[in-house]
């Protein structure tokens, strides 16, 4: 059940990052959302939680870090896709 929750949270954070960045399309690319959400949540959430001194507990600092990490990963993926095309 925890793994399903992590996947859903990653997809939601990745989708929100796509909406905030205003991707060119009006639909959400769920594959990119999942990748950006999971990678961004891991890196950003972990870093923000450790910097804030919260450890590995589920705190608002980790959730904010997850979102910021997902935005950075989504922007990076968008830049790589625009170079290819």
C-alpha atoms as a PDB file:
ATOM      1  CA  UNK A   1       0.000   0.000   0.000  1.00  0.00           C
ATOM      2  CA  UNK A   2       2.913   2.341   0.720  1.00  0.00           C
ATOM      3  CA  UNK A   3       4.343   1.858  -2.761  1.00  0.00           C
ATOM      4  CA  UNK A   4       1.007   2.739  -4.366  1.00  0.00           C
ATOM      5  CA  UNK A   5       0.831   5.863  -2.196  1.00  0.00           C
ATOM      6  CA  UNK A   6       4.353   6.881  -3.227  1.00  0.00           C
ATOM      7  CA  UNK A   7       3.534   6.389  -6.919  1.00  0.00           C
ATOM      8  CA  UNK A   8       0.309   8.384  -6.670  1.00  0.00           C
ATOM      9  CA  UNK A   9       2.030  11.195  -4.742  1.00  0.00           C
ATOM     10  CA  UNK A  10       4.832  11.279  -7.329  1.00  0.00           C
ATOM     11  CA  UNK A  11       2.371  11.486 -10.199  1.00  0.00           C
ATOM     12  CA  UNK A  12       0.395  14.266  -8.525  1.00  0.00           C
ATOM     13  CA  UNK A  13       3.491  16.313  -7.728  1.00  0.00           C
ATOM     14  CA  UNK A  14       4.808  15.804 -11.273  1.00  0.00           C
ATOM     15  CA  UNK A  15       1.472  16.804 -12.791  1.00  0.00           C
ATOM     16  CA  UNK A  16       1.338  19.909 -10.601  1.00  0.00           C
ATOM     17  CA  UNK A  17       4.871  20.801 -11.692  1.00  0.00           C
ATOM     18  CA  UNK A  18       3.800  20.536 -15.345  1.00  0.00           C
ATOM     19  CA  UNK A  19       0.826  22.785 -14.693  1.00  0.00           C
ATOM     20  CA  UNK A  20       2.948  25.379 -12.875  1.00  0.00           C
ATOM     21  CA  UNK A  21       5.569  25.436 -15.617  1.00  0.00           C
ATOM     22  CA  UNK A  22       2.870  25.800 -18.274  1.00  0.00           C
ATOM     23  CA  UNK A  23       3.977  23.089 -20.630  1.00  0.00           C
ATOM     24  CA  UNK A  24       3.147  23.627 -24.306  1.00  0.00           C
ATOM     25  CA  UNK A  25       0.385  21.049 -24.344  1.00  0.00           C
ATOM     26  CA  UNK A  26      -2.923  21.301 -22.544  1.00  0.00           C
ATOM     27  CA  UNK A  27      -2.833  17.677 -21.404  1.00  0.00           C
ATOM     28  CA  UNK A  28      -0.570  16.197 -18.773  1.00  0.00           C
ATOM     29  CA  UNK A  29       2.092  13.731 -19.883  1.00  0.00           C
ATOM     30  CA  UNK A  30       1.660  11.152 -17.122  1.00  0.00           C
ATOM     31  CA  UNK A  31       4.906   9.335 -17.883  1.00  0.00           C
ATOM     32  CA  UNK A  32       6.886  12.537 -17.478  1.00  0.00           C
ATOM     33  CA  UNK A  33       4.808  13.410 -14.416  1.00  0.00           C
ATOM     34  CA  UNK A  34       5.639  10.078 -12.786  1.00  0.00           C
ATOM     35  CA  UNK A  35       9.357  10.316 -13.533  1.00  0.00           C
ATOM     36  CA  UNK A  36       9.657  13.967 -12.503  1.00  0.00           C
ATOM     37  CA  UNK A  37       7.526  13.436  -9.429  1.00  0.00           C
ATOM     38  CA  UNK A  38       9.448  10.441  -8.149  1.00  0.00           C
ATOM     39  CA  UNK A  39      12.928  11.774  -8.892  1.00  0.00           C
ATOM     40  CA  UNK A  40      12.068  15.288  -7.738  1.00  0.00           C
ATOM     41  CA  UNK A  41      10.365  14.028  -4.621  1.00  0.00           C
ATOM     42  CA  UNK A  42      13.291  11.849  -3.694  1.00  0.00           C
ATOM     43  CA  UNK A  43      16.016  14.408  -4.254  1.00  0.00           C
ATOM     44  CA  UNK A  44      14.175  17.599  -3.332  1.00  0.00           C
ATOM     45  CA  UNK A  45      12.200  16.142  -0.458  1.00  0.00           C
ATOM     46  CA  UNK A  46      15.220  14.473   1.064  1.00  0.00           C
ATOM     47  CA  UNK A  47      17.396  17.572   0.757  1.00  0.00           C
ATOM     48  CA  UNK A  48      14.795  19.967   2.159  1.00  0.00           C
ATOM     49  CA  UNK A  49      13.960  17.656   5.046  1.00  0.00           C
ATOM     50  CA  UNK A  50      17.595  17.250   6.004  1.00  0.00           C
ATOM     51  CA  UNK A  51      18.341  20.978   5.648  1.00  0.00           C
ATOM     52  CA  UNK A  52      15.312  21.864   7.797  1.00  0.00           C
ATOM     53  CA  UNK A  53      16.471  19.385  10.426  1.00  0.00           C
ATOM     54  CA  UNK A  54      13.327  17.245  10.187  1.00  0.00           C
ATOM     55  CA  UNK A  55      15.220  14.063   9.406  1.00  0.00           C
ATOM     56  CA  UNK A  56      13.348  11.537   7.327  1.00  0.00           C
ATOM     57  CA  UNK A  57       9.939  12.185   8.884  1.00  0.00           C
ATOM     58  CA  UNK A  58       7.029  13.292   6.729  1.00  0.00           C
ATOM     59  CA  UNK A  59       6.953  17.061   7.250  1.00  0.00           C
ATOM     60  CA  UNK A  60       5.837  20.085   5.201  1.00  0.00           C
ATOM     61  CA  UNK A  61       9.458  20.929   4.401  1.00  0.00           C
ATOM     62  CA  UNK A  62       9.838  17.605   2.620  1.00  0.00           C
ATOM     63  CA  UNK A  63       6.625  18.106   0.658  1.00  0.00           C
ATOM     64  CA  UNK A  64       7.700  21.590  -0.427  1.00  0.00           C
ATOM     65  CA  UNK A  65      11.076  20.173  -1.402  1.00  0.00           C
ATOM     66  CA  UNK A  66       9.342  17.425  -3.359  1.00  0.00           C
ATOM     67  CA  UNK A  67       7.409  19.983  -5.351  1.00  0.00           C
ATOM     68  CA  UNK A  68      10.471  22.160  -6.017  1.00  0.00           C
ATOM     69  CA  UNK A  69      12.489  19.105  -7.030  1.00  0.00           C
ATOM     70  CA  UNK A  70       9.725  17.989  -9.406  1.00  0.00           C
ATOM     71  CA  UNK A  71       9.601  21.458 -10.987  1.00  0.00           C
ATOM     72  CA  UNK A  72      13.363  21.382 -11.554  1.00  0.00           C
ATOM     73  CA  UNK A  73      13.269  17.869 -13.035  1.00  0.00           C
ATOM     74  CA  UNK A  74      10.267  18.759 -15.250  1.00  0.00           C
ATOM     75  CA  UNK A  75      12.037  21.871 -16.519  1.00  0.00           C
ATOM     76  CA  UNK A  76      15.142  19.828 -17.263  1.00  0.00           C
ATOM     77  CA  UNK A  77      13.173  17.182 -19.133  1.00  0.00           C
ATOM     78  CA  UNK A  78      11.377  19.889 -21.117  1.00  0.00           C
ATOM     79  CA  UNK A  79      14.686  21.479 -22.079  1.00  0.00           C
ATOM     80  CA  UNK A  80      16.096  18.126 -23.204  1.00  0.00           C
ATOM     81  CA  UNK A  81      12.991  17.382 -25.289  1.00  0.00           C
ATOM     82  CA  UNK A  82      13.119  20.802 -26.973  1.00  0.00           C
ATOM     83  CA  UNK A  83      16.755  20.232 -27.971  1.00  0.00           C
ATOM     84  CA  UNK A  84      15.878  16.940 -29.645  1.00  0.00           C
ATOM     85  CA  UNK A  85      12.980  18.414 -31.626  1.00  0.00           C
END
